[in-house]
Amino acid sequence: MIGLDIGGTKTRGVRFEGGRAVADESVGSSNVQNVTREEAARHLAELFGRIGGGAVAQVYAGAGGIDTDDDAAALAALIAPHVPGARITVVHDSRLLLAAGGASTGVAVIAGTGSAAWGRNGAGAEARAGGWGYLLGDEGSGYWLGREAVRYSLRRMNQGLEPDELTTALLASCGVDDPNKLIALFHSAETGRRYWAQQARLVVEAANAGHTTSRELVDQAGRDLAGLAEQALRQLGLDGPVILGSGLGMNVPRLQESFRSALAAAGIRDVRVLDQEPVFGVLRLVAEND
């Protein structure tokens, strides 16, 4: 069996034999919400070239932006040539996260390039919150933090203030020498969702160094993500567990603290941070469905 976790920045593939990972590789994103179909196909070809394809009974893939059966079918069609005859299951990547957190019911929150919450209860009912994409939402995500760093820098420019440590770091990372140049760069075809999501690390680093606005942004990200979790829980009639995962969720303690605090204020205390990569959730999902 092969498990795939297809995010906005990378695609991770694990080949399992007898429930044990025997190959584990990562390539660029194969999510057609973030890259062209041709680029997605190239990345999948590279990945299967590393972990092997061919005689595989099953592929279980989780990906962002899988909102309809058509979305799932389109991704399955890209995978199919590498695993002839295999049973291919494509789900929203938040399902992988919940399973990797050791839960069959509850809510999983993705905090990576984008953001979303998904959950299910014991009756099998499902609920989603967020996951609308960067133009409509993605609150608390890497993209959101990167965009807010740009907006902050432009506001300072409009106020006649000199670049501070966050703006200086952003300018250096973007290779420009004036905040005004961020406007054209932001709207340029040469940058996109992934590019600006990568700038989130600058906000996190500045927050860790004591930069007030960066701290406020990271704290707000945690609260926004908690809001998504609470929406999904209320729809399902649950009070937990909530499992936080993906790049920001797993690696930014300040965001985790804000997330936990906001949920605790709403009476939700069973909150967990994922301690293994979501792709390993496929083992539980397959076991549950067999």
Foldseek 3Di string as FASTA:
>chain_A
DKFWEAELFKIWIFDDDPLHTPFIDMDGGLQCVRDPPVVNLVRLVVNCVRRPAEADAEYEYAYQPCDDPVSQVVVVVSNCVRHPPHHYHYYHLQLLQCLLQVDPFFKEWEAELFIKIKTADPVGDIDIFDSPDDVVDRFLHLLVLLVVLLVVQVVCVVVVHDDDQLRVVVCVLVVHDHSVVVVCVVVDPVDDSVNSSVSNVSLLVVVVVPDVVSLVRLLRSLLVRLVRRVVRCVVRVHLDDYEYEDDCQQPRVSSVVSNQVNSVVVVRHNYYYRPDDSSSSVVVVVVVVD
